[in-house]
């Protein structure tokens, strides 16, 4: 069994914030996304019979 997750248009959302001069909002969105990805990865590592191969664009 395999699972695949993808956050569509996340890069576009950050780019749009930056282009509109909303630097702080872009930083906050990026930070929230990083925190959520980390939490999801930690939760998945606790599950039996799960092997994470690629997460957040990085090979595990």
PDB file of N, CA and C in Angstrom:
ATOM      1  N   UNK A   1       0.843  -1.170   0.000  1.00  0.00           N
ATOM      2  CA  UNK A   1       0.000   0.000   0.000  1.00  0.00           C
ATOM      3  C   UNK A   1       0.896   1.243   0.000  1.00  0.00           C
ATOM      4  N   UNK A   2       0.493   2.232  -0.776  1.00  0.00           N
ATOM      5  CA  UNK A   2       1.256   3.463  -0.883  1.00  0.00           C
ATOM      6  C   UNK A   2       0.338   4.664  -0.659  1.00  0.00           C
ATOM      7  N   UNK A   3       0.938   5.741  -0.208  1.00  0.00           N
ATOM      8  CA  UNK A   3       0.193   6.998  -0.063  1.00  0.00           C
ATOM      9  C   UNK A   3       1.010   8.106  -0.703  1.00  0.00           C
ATOM     10  N   UNK A   4       0.312   9.051  -1.278  1.00  0.00           N
ATOM     11  CA  UNK A   4       0.958  10.186  -1.937  1.00  0.00           C
ATOM     12  C   UNK A   4       0.168  11.448  -1.592  1.00  0.00           C
ATOM     13  N   UNK A   5       0.872  12.448  -1.116  1.00  0.00           N
ATOM     14  CA  UNK A   5       0.229  13.716  -0.782  1.00  0.00           C
ATOM     15  C   UNK A   5       0.932  14.832  -1.551  1.00  0.00           C
ATOM     16  N   UNK A   6       0.181  15.809  -1.981  1.00  0.00           N
ATOM     17  CA  UNK A   6       0.770  16.934  -2.699  1.00  0.00           C
ATOM     18  C   UNK A   6      -0.022  18.193  -2.361  1.00  0.00           C
ATOM     19  N   UNK A   7       0.693  19.244  -2.029  1.00  0.00           N
ATOM     20  CA  UNK A   7       0.050  20.521  -1.724  1.00  0.00           C
ATOM     21  C   UNK A   7       0.055  21.398  -2.964  1.00  0.00           C
ATOM     22  N   UNK A   8      -0.998  21.331  -3.717  1.00  0.00           N
ATOM     23  CA  UNK A   8      -1.075  22.084  -4.969  1.00  0.00           C
ATOM     24  C   UNK A   8      -1.006  23.583  -4.734  1.00  0.00           C
ATOM     25  N   UNK A   9      -0.258  24.237  -5.572  1.00  0.00           N
ATOM     26  CA  UNK A   9      -0.163  25.704  -5.645  1.00  0.00           C
ATOM     27  C   UNK A   9       0.409  26.365  -4.392  1.00  0.00           C
ATOM     28  N   UNK A  10       1.074  25.613  -3.542  1.00  0.00           N
ATOM     29  CA  UNK A  10       1.659  26.229  -2.352  1.00  0.00           C
ATOM     30  C   UNK A  10       2.753  27.206  -2.756  1.00  0.00           C
ATOM     31  N   UNK A  11       3.606  26.799  -3.672  1.00  0.00           N
ATOM     32  CA  UNK A  11       4.661  27.696  -4.147  1.00  0.00           C
ATOM     33  C   UNK A  11       4.087  28.944  -4.793  1.00  0.00           C
ATOM     34  N   UNK A  12       3.003  28.751  -5.544  1.00  0.00           N
ATOM     35  CA  UNK A  12       2.348  29.899  -6.182  1.00  0.00           C
ATOM     36  C   UNK A  12       1.795  30.865  -5.143  1.00  0.00           C
ATOM     37  N   UNK A  13       1.247  30.327  -4.065  1.00  0.00           N
ATOM     38  CA  UNK A  13       0.689  31.176  -3.008  1.00  0.00           C
ATOM     39  C   UNK A  13       1.774  32.017  -2.349  1.00  0.00           C
ATOM     40  N   UNK A  14       2.914  31.392  -2.082  1.00  0.00           N
ATOM     41  CA  UNK A  14       4.023  32.128  -1.465  1.00  0.00           C
ATOM     42  C   UNK A  14       4.570  33.160  -2.438  1.00  0.00           C
ATOM     43  N   UNK A  15       4.707  32.775  -3.704  1.00  0.00           N
ATOM     44  CA  UNK A  15       5.202  33.716  -4.713  1.00  0.00           C
ATOM     45  C   UNK A  15       4.285  34.936  -4.828  1.00  0.00           C
ATOM     46  N   UNK A  16       2.991  34.710  -4.825  1.00  0.00           N
ATOM     47  CA  UNK A  16       2.034  35.813  -4.927  1.00  0.00           C
ATOM     48  C   UNK A  16       2.163  36.767  -3.742  1.00  0.00           C
ATOM     49  N   UNK A  17       2.318  36.211  -2.548  1.00  0.00           N
ATOM     50  CA  UNK A  17       2.519  37.059  -1.376  1.00  0.00           C
ATOM     51  C   UNK A  17       3.782  37.907  -1.529  1.00  0.00           C
ATOM     52  N   UNK A  18       4.855  37.276  -1.990  1.00  0.00           N
ATOM     53  CA  UNK A  18       6.109  38.006  -2.159  1.00  0.00           C
ATOM     54  C   UNK A  18       5.990  39.103  -3.214  1.00  0.00           C
ATOM     55  N   UNK A  19       5.346  38.783  -4.322  1.00  0.00           N
ATOM     56  CA  UNK A  19       5.181  39.766  -5.393  1.00  0.00           C
ATOM     57  C   UNK A  19       4.337  40.960  -4.954  1.00  0.00           C
ATOM     58  N   UNK A  20       3.455  40.731  -3.990  1.00  0.00           N
ATOM     59  CA  UNK A  20       2.608  41.803  -3.467  1.00  0.00           C
ATOM     60  C   UNK A  20       3.226  42.487  -2.245  1.00  0.00           C
ATOM     61  N   UNK A  21       4.501  42.179  -1.995  1.00  0.00           N
ATOM     62  CA  UNK A  21       5.207  42.833  -0.893  1.00  0.00           C
ATOM     63  C   UNK A  21       4.793  42.360   0.481  1.00  0.00           C
ATOM     64  N   UNK A  22       4.118  41.242   0.557  1.00  0.00           N
ATOM     65  CA  UNK A  22       3.649  40.712   1.843  1.00  0.00           C
ATOM     66  C   UNK A  22       4.672  39.704   2.377  1.00  0.00           C
ATOM     67  N   UNK A  23       5.847  40.223   2.685  1.00  0.00           N
ATOM     68  CA  UNK A  23       6.970  39.394   3.097  1.00  0.00           C
ATOM     69  C   UNK A  23       6.673  38.644   4.397  1.00  0.00           C
ATOM     70  N   UNK A  24       6.149  39.341   5.388  1.00  0.00           N
ATOM     71  CA  UNK A  24       5.863  38.710   6.681  1.00  0.00           C
ATOM     72  C   UNK A  24       4.826  37.593   6.530  1.00  0.00           C
ATOM     73  N   UNK A  25       3.799  37.835   5.720  1.00  0.00           N
ATOM     74  CA  UNK A  25       2.780  36.811   5.497  1.00  0.00           C
ATOM     75  C   UNK A  25       3.378  35.587   4.809  1.00  0.00           C
ATOM     76  N   UNK A  26       4.307  35.812   3.867  1.00  0.00           N
ATOM     77  CA  UNK A  26       4.974  34.704   3.179  1.00  0.00           C
ATOM     78  C   UNK A  26       5.822  33.899   4.166  1.00  0.00           C
ATOM     79  N   UNK A  27       6.517  34.596   5.051  1.00  0.00           N
ATOM     80  CA  UNK A  27       7.321  33.922   6.075  1.00  0.00           C
ATOM     81  C   UNK A  27       6.439  33.088   6.996  1.00  0.00           C
ATOM     82  N   UNK A  28       5.311  33.664   7.409  1.00  0.00           N
ATOM     83  CA  UNK A  28       4.405  32.961   8.320  1.00  0.00           C
ATOM     84  C   UNK A  28       3.804  31.721   7.654  1.00  0.00           C
ATOM     85  N   UNK A  29       3.399  31.845   6.386  1.00  0.00           N
ATOM     86  CA  UNK A  29       2.852  30.700   5.667  1.00  0.00           C
ATOM     87  C   UNK A  29       3.905  29.614   5.526  1.00  0.00           C
ATOM     88  N   UNK A  30       5.113  29.993   5.167  1.00  0.00           N
ATOM     89  CA  UNK A  30       6.195  29.030   5.031  1.00  0.00           C
ATOM     90  C   UNK A  30       6.473  28.322   6.355  1.00  0.00           C
ATOM     91  N   UNK A  31       6.502  29.074   7.436  1.00  0.00           N
ATOM     92  CA  UNK A  31       6.751  28.498   8.755  1.00  0.00           C
ATOM     93  C   UNK A  31       5.643  27.515   9.152  1.00  0.00           C
ATOM     94  N   UNK A  32       4.394  27.907   8.921  1.00  0.00           N
ATOM     95  CA  UNK A  32       3.265  27.026   9.247  1.00  0.00           C
ATOM     96  C   UNK A  32       3.313  25.747   8.432  1.00  0.00           C
ATOM     97  N   UNK A  33       3.667  25.863   7.167  1.00  0.00           N
ATOM     98  CA  UNK A  33       3.769  24.675   6.318  1.00  0.00           C
ATOM     99  C   UNK A  33       4.883  23.755   6.794  1.00  0.00           C
ATOM    100  N   UNK A  34       6.033  24.331   7.129  1.00  0.00           N
ATOM    101  CA  UNK A  34       7.148  23.529   7.636  1.00  0.00           C
ATOM    102  C   UNK A  34       6.765  22.806   8.919  1.00  0.00           C
ATOM    103  N   UNK A  35       6.082  23.504   9.819  1.00  0.00           N
ATOM    104  CA  UNK A  35       5.651  22.887  11.074  1.00  0.00           C
ATOM    105  C   UNK A  35       4.677  21.744  10.817  1.00  0.00           C
ATOM    106  N   UNK A  36       3.724  21.956   9.926  1.00  0.00           N
ATOM    107  CA  UNK A  36       2.729  20.927   9.617  1.00  0.00           C
ATOM    108  C   UNK A  36       3.377  19.708   8.979  1.00  0.00           C
ATOM    109  N   UNK A  37       4.313  19.937   8.074  1.00  0.00           N
ATOM    110  CA  UNK A  37       5.009  18.827   7.416  1.00  0.00           C
ATOM    111  C   UNK A  37       5.812  18.027   8.435  1.00  0.00           C
ATOM    112  N   UNK A  38       6.499  18.718   9.330  1.00  0.00           N
ATOM    113  CA  UNK A  38       7.276  18.037  10.366  1.00  0.00           C
ATOM    114  C   UNK A  38       6.368  17.191  11.262  1.00  0.00           C
ATOM    115  N   UNK A  39       5.254  17.762  11.703  1.00  0.00           N
ATOM    116  CA  UNK A  39       4.326  17.026  12.567  1.00  0.00           C
ATOM    117  C   UNK A  39       3.768  15.792  11.862  1.00  0.00           C
ATOM    118  N   UNK A  40       3.395  15.942  10.606  1.00  0.00           N
ATOM    119  CA  UNK A  40       2.876  14.811   9.840  1.00  0.00           C
ATOM    120  C   UNK A  40       3.930  13.718   9.715  1.00  0.00           C
ATOM    121  N   UNK A  41       5.156  14.112   9.426  1.00  0.00           N
ATOM    122  CA  UNK A  41       6.237  13.132   9.302  1.00  0.00           C
ATOM    123  C   UNK A  41       6.449  12.386  10.619  1.00  0.00           C
ATOM    124  N   UNK A  42       6.446  13.104  11.741  1.00  0.00           N
ATOM    125  CA  UNK A  42       6.651  12.466  13.040  1.00  0.00           C
ATOM    126  C   UNK A  42       5.506  11.494  13.361  1.00  0.00           C
ATOM    127  N   UNK A  43       4.272  11.888  13.057  1.00  0.00           N
ATOM    128  CA  UNK A  43       3.124  11.006  13.288  1.00  0.00           C
ATOM    129  C   UNK A  43       3.215   9.753  12.428  1.00  0.00           C
ATOM    130  N   UNK A  44       3.613   9.917  11.193  1.00  0.00           N
ATOM    131  CA  UNK A  44       3.712   8.770  10.295  1.00  0.00           C
ATOM    132  C   UNK A  44       4.814   7.808  10.730  1.00  0.00           C
ATOM    133  N   UNK A  45       5.895   8.339  11.292  1.00  0.00           N
ATOM    134  CA  UNK A  45       6.981   7.484  11.760  1.00  0.00           C
ATOM    135  C   UNK A  45       6.540   6.588  12.916  1.00  0.00           C
ATOM    136  N   UNK A  46       5.519   7.001  13.649  1.00  0.00           N
ATOM    137  CA  UNK A  46       5.018   6.202  14.770  1.00  0.00           C
ATOM    138  C   UNK A  46       4.120   5.052  14.319  1.00  0.00           C
ATOM    139  N   UNK A  47       3.672   5.088  13.080  1.00  0.00           N
ATOM    140  CA  UNK A  47       2.770   4.057  12.568  1.00  0.00           C
ATOM    141  C   UNK A  47       3.551   2.809  12.195  1.00  0.00           C
ATOM    142  N   UNK A  48       3.016   1.638  12.579  1.00  0.00           N
ATOM    143  CA  UNK A  48       3.712   0.396  12.227  1.00  0.00           C
ATOM    144  C   UNK A  48       3.664   0.150  10.723  1.00  0.00           C
ATOM    145  N   UNK A  49       4.695  -0.514  10.243  1.00  0.00           N
ATOM    146  CA  UNK A  49       4.773  -0.934   8.839  1.00  0.00           C
ATOM    147  C   UNK A  49       4.738   0.218   7.852  1.00  0.00           C
ATOM    148  N   UNK A  50       5.255   1.380   8.259  1.00  0.00           N
ATOM    149  CA  UNK A  50       5.302   2.538   7.359  1.00  0.00           C
ATOM    150  C   UNK A  50       6.772   2.844   7.072  1.00  0.00           C
ATOM    151  N   UNK A  51       7.088   2.992   5.821  1.00  0.00           N
ATOM    152  CA  UNK A  51       8.417   3.432   5.421  1.00  0.00           C
ATOM    153  C   UNK A  51       8.241   4.712   4.603  1.00  0.00           C
ATOM    154  N   UNK A  52       8.829   5.783   5.071  1.00  0.00           N
ATOM    155  CA  UNK A  52       8.755   7.046   4.350  1.00  0.00           C
ATOM    156  C   UNK A  52       9.929   7.081   3.380  1.00  0.00           C
ATOM    157  N   UNK A  53       9.627   7.227   2.101  1.00  0.00           N
ATOM    158  CA  UNK A  53      10.659   7.221   1.078  1.00  0.00           C
ATOM    159  C   UNK A  53      11.026   8.645   0.663  1.00  0.00           C
ATOM    160  N   UNK A  54      10.032   9.482   0.501  1.00  0.00           N
ATOM    161  CA  UNK A  54      10.242  10.862   0.092  1.00  0.00           C
ATOM    162  C   UNK A  54       9.279  11.727   0.874  1.00  0.00           C
ATOM    163  N   UNK A  55       9.796  12.810   1.482  1.00  0.00           N
ATOM    164  CA  UNK A  55       8.946  13.653   2.308  1.00  0.00           C
ATOM    165  C   UNK A  55       9.415  15.089   2.184  1.00  0.00           C
ATOM    166  N   UNK A  56       8.521  15.967   1.810  1.00  0.00           N
ATOM    167  CA  UNK A  56       8.856  17.381   1.686  1.00  0.00           C
ATOM    168  C   UNK A  56       9.924  17.646   0.636  1.00  0.00           C
ATOM    169  N   UNK A  57       9.943  16.804  -0.388  1.00  0.00           N
ATOM    170  CA  UNK A  57      10.912  16.970  -1.464  1.00  0.00           C
ATOM    171  C   UNK A  57      12.284  16.409  -1.145  1.00  0.00           C
ATOM    172  N   UNK A  58      12.415  15.788   0.028  1.00  0.00           N
ATOM    173  CA  UNK A  58      13.704  15.224   0.433  1.00  0.00           C
ATOM    174  C   UNK A  58      13.591  13.712   0.559  1.00  0.00           C
ATOM    175  N   UNK A  59      14.587  13.014   0.069  1.00  0.00           N
ATOM    176  CA  UNK A  59      14.624  11.557   0.190  1.00  0.00           C
ATOM    177  C   UNK A  59      14.958  11.209   1.624  1.00  0.00           C
ATOM    178  N   UNK A  60      14.190  10.307   2.219  1.00  0.00           N
ATOM    179  CA  UNK A  60      14.402   9.919   3.618  1.00  0.00           C
ATOM    180  C   UNK A  60      15.309   8.704   3.718  1.00  0.00           C
TER     181      UNK A  60
END
